[in-house]
């Protein structure tokens, strides 16, 4: 898996406009839920793999909240769930 490691501060500058098919981990929603608990309870960072319009990226940070369409990272950075591929602990 080829990815570019990015800092969470650059995510708001990334584009998520094109409709590209994303292969998501079958347990992605469970991974998000577990990562949110770890982020809030233990301030534990996780590896979040996602696609922007330019390709696969990875960020290592905490997930503070999740909804139906987005996750919120530390610092108020939002990433669309439809663009996530996997969350690694």
N, C-alpha and C. Protein backbone atom coordinates (compact mmCIF):
# COMPACT_ATOMS: atom_id res chain seq x y z
N UNK A 1 0.85 -1.17 0.00
CA UNK A 1 0.00 0.00 0.00
C UNK A 1 0.90 1.24 0.00
N UNK A 2 0.83 2.02 -1.05
CA UNK A 2 1.60 3.25 -1.17
C UNK A 2 0.75 4.41 -0.67
N UNK A 3 1.29 5.17 0.27
CA UNK A 3 0.55 6.32 0.80
C UNK A 3 1.54 7.44 1.09
N UNK A 4 1.00 8.64 1.22
CA UNK A 4 1.78 9.80 1.61
C UNK A 4 1.41 10.17 3.03
N UNK A 5 2.39 10.25 3.92
CA UNK A 5 2.16 10.65 5.30
C UNK A 5 1.97 12.17 5.34
N UNK A 6 0.87 12.62 5.95
CA UNK A 6 0.59 14.05 6.05
C UNK A 6 0.33 14.42 7.50
N UNK A 7 0.52 15.68 7.81
CA UNK A 7 0.18 16.22 9.12
C UNK A 7 -1.28 16.65 9.10
N UNK A 8 -1.95 16.56 10.23
CA UNK A 8 -3.39 16.89 10.27
C UNK A 8 -3.65 18.34 9.87
N UNK A 9 -2.67 19.22 10.07
CA UNK A 9 -2.85 20.63 9.75
C UNK A 9 -3.00 20.89 8.25
N UNK A 10 -2.54 19.98 7.40
CA UNK A 10 -2.66 20.18 5.95
C UNK A 10 -3.97 19.62 5.39
N UNK A 11 -4.68 18.82 6.17
CA UNK A 11 -5.90 18.18 5.68
C UNK A 11 -6.95 19.20 5.21
N UNK A 12 -7.16 20.33 5.91
CA UNK A 12 -8.15 21.29 5.39
C UNK A 12 -7.81 21.85 4.00
N UNK A 13 -6.57 21.74 3.59
CA UNK A 13 -6.15 22.22 2.26
C UNK A 13 -6.34 21.17 1.18
N UNK A 14 -6.62 19.93 1.56
CA UNK A 14 -6.80 18.85 0.59
C UNK A 14 -8.19 18.91 -0.03
N UNK A 15 -8.31 18.35 -1.22
CA UNK A 15 -9.57 18.34 -1.95
C UNK A 15 -10.26 16.98 -1.84
N UNK A 16 -11.56 17.00 -1.60
CA UNK A 16 -12.38 15.79 -1.51
C UNK A 16 -13.60 15.95 -2.43
N UNK A 17 -13.38 16.39 -3.66
CA UNK A 17 -14.50 16.72 -4.54
C UNK A 17 -14.84 15.63 -5.55
N UNK A 18 -13.85 14.90 -6.04
CA UNK A 18 -14.14 13.90 -7.07
C UNK A 18 -14.79 12.67 -6.46
N UNK A 19 -15.61 12.02 -7.27
CA UNK A 19 -16.27 10.78 -6.86
C UNK A 19 -15.42 9.61 -7.32
N UNK A 20 -14.62 9.07 -6.41
CA UNK A 20 -13.78 7.93 -6.74
C UNK A 20 -14.19 6.75 -5.86
N UNK A 21 -14.16 5.54 -6.43
CA UNK A 21 -14.52 4.38 -5.62
C UNK A 21 -13.42 4.08 -4.60
N UNK A 22 -13.80 3.91 -3.36
CA UNK A 22 -12.86 3.64 -2.28
C UNK A 22 -13.16 2.26 -1.71
N UNK A 23 -12.12 1.42 -1.61
CA UNK A 23 -12.30 0.12 -0.97
C UNK A 23 -12.05 0.32 0.53
N UNK A 24 -13.11 0.15 1.32
CA UNK A 24 -13.01 0.37 2.75
C UNK A 24 -12.89 -0.96 3.50
N UNK A 25 -12.19 -0.90 4.62
CA UNK A 25 -12.06 -2.08 5.48
C UNK A 25 -13.47 -2.49 5.92
N UNK A 26 -13.76 -3.79 5.95
CA UNK A 26 -15.11 -4.23 6.30
C UNK A 26 -15.56 -3.81 7.71
N UNK A 27 -14.62 -3.60 8.62
CA UNK A 27 -14.95 -3.19 9.99
C UNK A 27 -14.65 -1.72 10.24
N UNK A 28 -14.68 -0.91 9.20
CA UNK A 28 -14.30 0.49 9.33
C UNK A 28 -15.10 1.23 10.40
N UNK A 29 -16.40 1.06 10.42
CA UNK A 29 -17.22 1.78 11.40
C UNK A 29 -16.88 1.36 12.84
N UNK A 30 -16.57 0.09 13.04
CA UNK A 30 -16.13 -0.37 14.36
C UNK A 30 -14.77 0.23 14.71
N UNK A 31 -13.89 0.32 13.71
CA UNK A 31 -12.57 0.92 13.94
C UNK A 31 -12.72 2.38 14.34
N UNK A 32 -13.60 3.10 13.67
CA UNK A 32 -13.83 4.52 13.98
C UNK A 32 -14.35 4.67 15.41
N UNK A 33 -15.30 3.83 15.78
CA UNK A 33 -15.88 3.90 17.12
C UNK A 33 -14.81 3.63 18.19
N UNK A 34 -14.01 2.60 17.99
CA UNK A 34 -12.95 2.26 18.94
C UNK A 34 -11.91 3.38 19.02
N UNK A 35 -11.53 3.93 17.86
CA UNK A 35 -10.54 5.00 17.83
C UNK A 35 -11.07 6.26 18.52
N UNK A 36 -12.36 6.53 18.41
CA UNK A 36 -12.96 7.68 19.07
C UNK A 36 -12.90 7.51 20.59
N UNK A 37 -13.19 6.33 21.08
CA UNK A 37 -13.09 6.05 22.51
C UNK A 37 -11.64 6.21 22.98
N UNK A 38 -10.71 5.65 22.23
CA UNK A 38 -9.29 5.76 22.60
C UNK A 38 -8.82 7.21 22.57
N UNK A 39 -9.30 7.98 21.62
CA UNK A 39 -8.91 9.38 21.51
C UNK A 39 -9.43 10.22 22.65
N UNK A 40 -10.66 9.96 23.07
CA UNK A 40 -11.27 10.74 24.14
C UNK A 40 -10.84 10.27 25.53
N UNK A 41 -10.69 8.98 25.71
CA UNK A 41 -10.37 8.45 27.03
C UNK A 41 -8.87 8.46 27.34
N UNK A 42 -8.08 8.15 26.33
CA UNK A 42 -6.65 7.96 26.55
C UNK A 42 -5.76 8.88 25.71
N UNK A 43 -6.38 9.74 24.89
CA UNK A 43 -5.63 10.64 23.99
C UNK A 43 -4.67 9.84 23.11
N UNK A 44 -5.09 8.64 22.73
CA UNK A 44 -4.24 7.74 21.94
C UNK A 44 -4.37 8.05 20.45
N UNK A 45 -3.24 8.15 19.78
CA UNK A 45 -3.22 8.39 18.35
C UNK A 45 -3.42 7.09 17.60
N UNK A 46 -4.02 7.20 16.42
CA UNK A 46 -4.22 6.06 15.53
C UNK A 46 -3.77 6.46 14.13
N UNK A 47 -3.52 5.47 13.29
CA UNK A 47 -3.20 5.73 11.89
C UNK A 47 -4.48 5.71 11.07
N UNK A 48 -4.76 6.82 10.41
CA UNK A 48 -5.98 6.95 9.61
C UNK A 48 -5.59 7.03 8.15
N UNK A 49 -6.05 6.06 7.37
CA UNK A 49 -5.77 6.03 5.94
C UNK A 49 -6.99 6.55 5.19
N UNK A 50 -6.77 7.48 4.27
CA UNK A 50 -7.87 8.08 3.53
C UNK A 50 -7.40 8.52 2.16
N UNK A 51 -8.37 8.70 1.25
CA UNK A 51 -8.09 9.18 -0.10
C UNK A 51 -8.57 10.61 -0.25
N UNK A 52 -7.68 11.48 -0.72
CA UNK A 52 -8.13 12.79 -1.19
C UNK A 52 -8.16 12.68 -2.71
N UNK A 53 -8.35 13.79 -3.41
CA UNK A 53 -8.44 13.73 -4.87
C UNK A 53 -7.12 13.34 -5.54
N UNK A 54 -6.00 13.42 -4.79
CA UNK A 54 -4.69 13.10 -5.37
C UNK A 54 -4.18 11.72 -5.00
N UNK A 55 -4.84 11.00 -4.12
CA UNK A 55 -4.38 9.66 -3.78
C UNK A 55 -4.48 9.33 -2.31
N UNK A 56 -3.85 8.21 -1.94
CA UNK A 56 -3.93 7.68 -0.58
C UNK A 56 -3.01 8.47 0.35
N UNK A 57 -3.55 8.84 1.51
CA UNK A 57 -2.81 9.57 2.53
C UNK A 57 -2.96 8.84 3.87
N UNK A 58 -2.03 9.14 4.77
CA UNK A 58 -2.10 8.63 6.14
C UNK A 58 -1.80 9.78 7.09
N UNK A 59 -2.57 9.85 8.17
CA UNK A 59 -2.33 10.82 9.23
C UNK A 59 -2.35 10.06 10.54
N UNK A 60 -1.46 10.44 11.46
CA UNK A 60 -1.44 9.83 12.78
C UNK A 60 -1.89 10.88 13.79
N UNK A 61 -3.08 10.69 14.33
CA UNK A 61 -3.67 11.65 15.26
C UNK A 61 -4.79 10.98 16.03
N UNK A 62 -5.51 11.76 16.83
CA UNK A 62 -6.64 11.22 17.58
C UNK A 62 -7.95 11.59 16.89
N UNK A 63 -8.92 10.69 17.00
CA UNK A 63 -10.27 10.98 16.53
C UNK A 63 -11.07 11.43 17.75
N UNK A 64 -11.61 12.64 17.70
CA UNK A 64 -12.35 13.17 18.84
C UNK A 64 -13.85 12.93 18.73
N UNK A 65 -14.36 12.86 17.51
CA UNK A 65 -15.80 12.65 17.33
C UNK A 65 -16.04 12.03 15.96
N UNK A 66 -17.20 11.38 15.84
CA UNK A 66 -17.59 10.84 14.54
C UNK A 66 -19.09 10.97 14.40
N UNK A 67 -19.50 11.18 13.16
CA UNK A 67 -20.92 11.28 12.84
C UNK A 67 -21.25 10.30 11.74
N UNK A 68 -22.29 10.59 11.01
CA UNK A 68 -22.69 9.71 9.91
C UNK A 68 -21.85 9.93 8.67
N UNK A 69 -21.34 11.15 8.48
CA UNK A 69 -20.62 11.46 7.25
C UNK A 69 -19.17 11.88 7.45
N UNK A 70 -18.80 12.31 8.66
CA UNK A 70 -17.45 12.83 8.89
C UNK A 70 -16.89 12.33 10.22
N UNK A 71 -15.54 12.33 10.31
CA UNK A 71 -14.88 12.18 11.59
C UNK A 71 -14.21 13.52 11.89
N UNK A 72 -14.11 13.82 13.17
CA UNK A 72 -13.45 15.06 13.61
C UNK A 72 -12.16 14.68 14.32
N UNK A 73 -11.06 15.20 13.82
CA UNK A 73 -9.75 14.95 14.40
C UNK A 73 -9.41 16.04 15.40
N UNK A 74 -8.39 15.80 16.17
CA UNK A 74 -7.90 16.80 17.11
C UNK A 74 -7.65 18.10 16.35
N UNK A 75 -8.09 19.21 16.91
CA UNK A 75 -7.89 20.51 16.26
C UNK A 75 -9.05 20.92 15.36
N UNK A 76 -10.14 20.15 15.38
CA UNK A 76 -11.31 20.52 14.58
C UNK A 76 -11.17 20.27 13.09
N UNK A 77 -10.36 19.30 12.72
CA UNK A 77 -10.16 18.93 11.31
C UNK A 77 -11.15 17.82 10.97
N UNK A 78 -11.88 17.99 9.87
CA UNK A 78 -12.92 17.04 9.46
C UNK A 78 -12.48 16.26 8.22
N UNK A 79 -12.79 14.94 8.22
CA UNK A 79 -12.49 14.08 7.07
C UNK A 79 -13.76 13.29 6.75
N UNK A 80 -14.15 13.26 5.47
CA UNK A 80 -15.35 12.48 5.10
C UNK A 80 -15.14 10.98 5.30
N UNK A 81 -16.09 10.34 5.94
CA UNK A 81 -15.99 8.89 6.17
C UNK A 81 -15.97 8.13 4.86
N UNK A 82 -16.66 8.62 3.85
CA UNK A 82 -16.67 7.93 2.55
C UNK A 82 -15.29 7.87 1.91
N UNK A 83 -14.34 8.67 2.39
CA UNK A 83 -12.97 8.68 1.87
C UNK A 83 -12.00 7.89 2.73
N UNK A 84 -12.44 7.34 3.86
CA UNK A 84 -11.58 6.55 4.72
C UNK A 84 -11.45 5.14 4.19
N UNK A 85 -10.26 4.55 4.34
CA UNK A 85 -10.07 3.17 3.98
C UNK A 85 -9.90 2.27 5.20
N UNK A 86 -9.19 2.81 6.22
CA UNK A 86 -8.89 1.99 7.38
C UNK A 86 -8.39 2.87 8.53
N UNK A 87 -8.59 2.39 9.75
CA UNK A 87 -8.02 3.00 10.95
C UNK A 87 -7.19 1.92 11.64
N UNK A 88 -5.91 2.21 11.85
CA UNK A 88 -5.02 1.23 12.49
C UNK A 88 -4.60 1.71 13.86
N UNK A 89 -4.57 0.75 14.80
CA UNK A 89 -4.24 1.03 16.19
C UNK A 89 -2.80 0.66 16.48
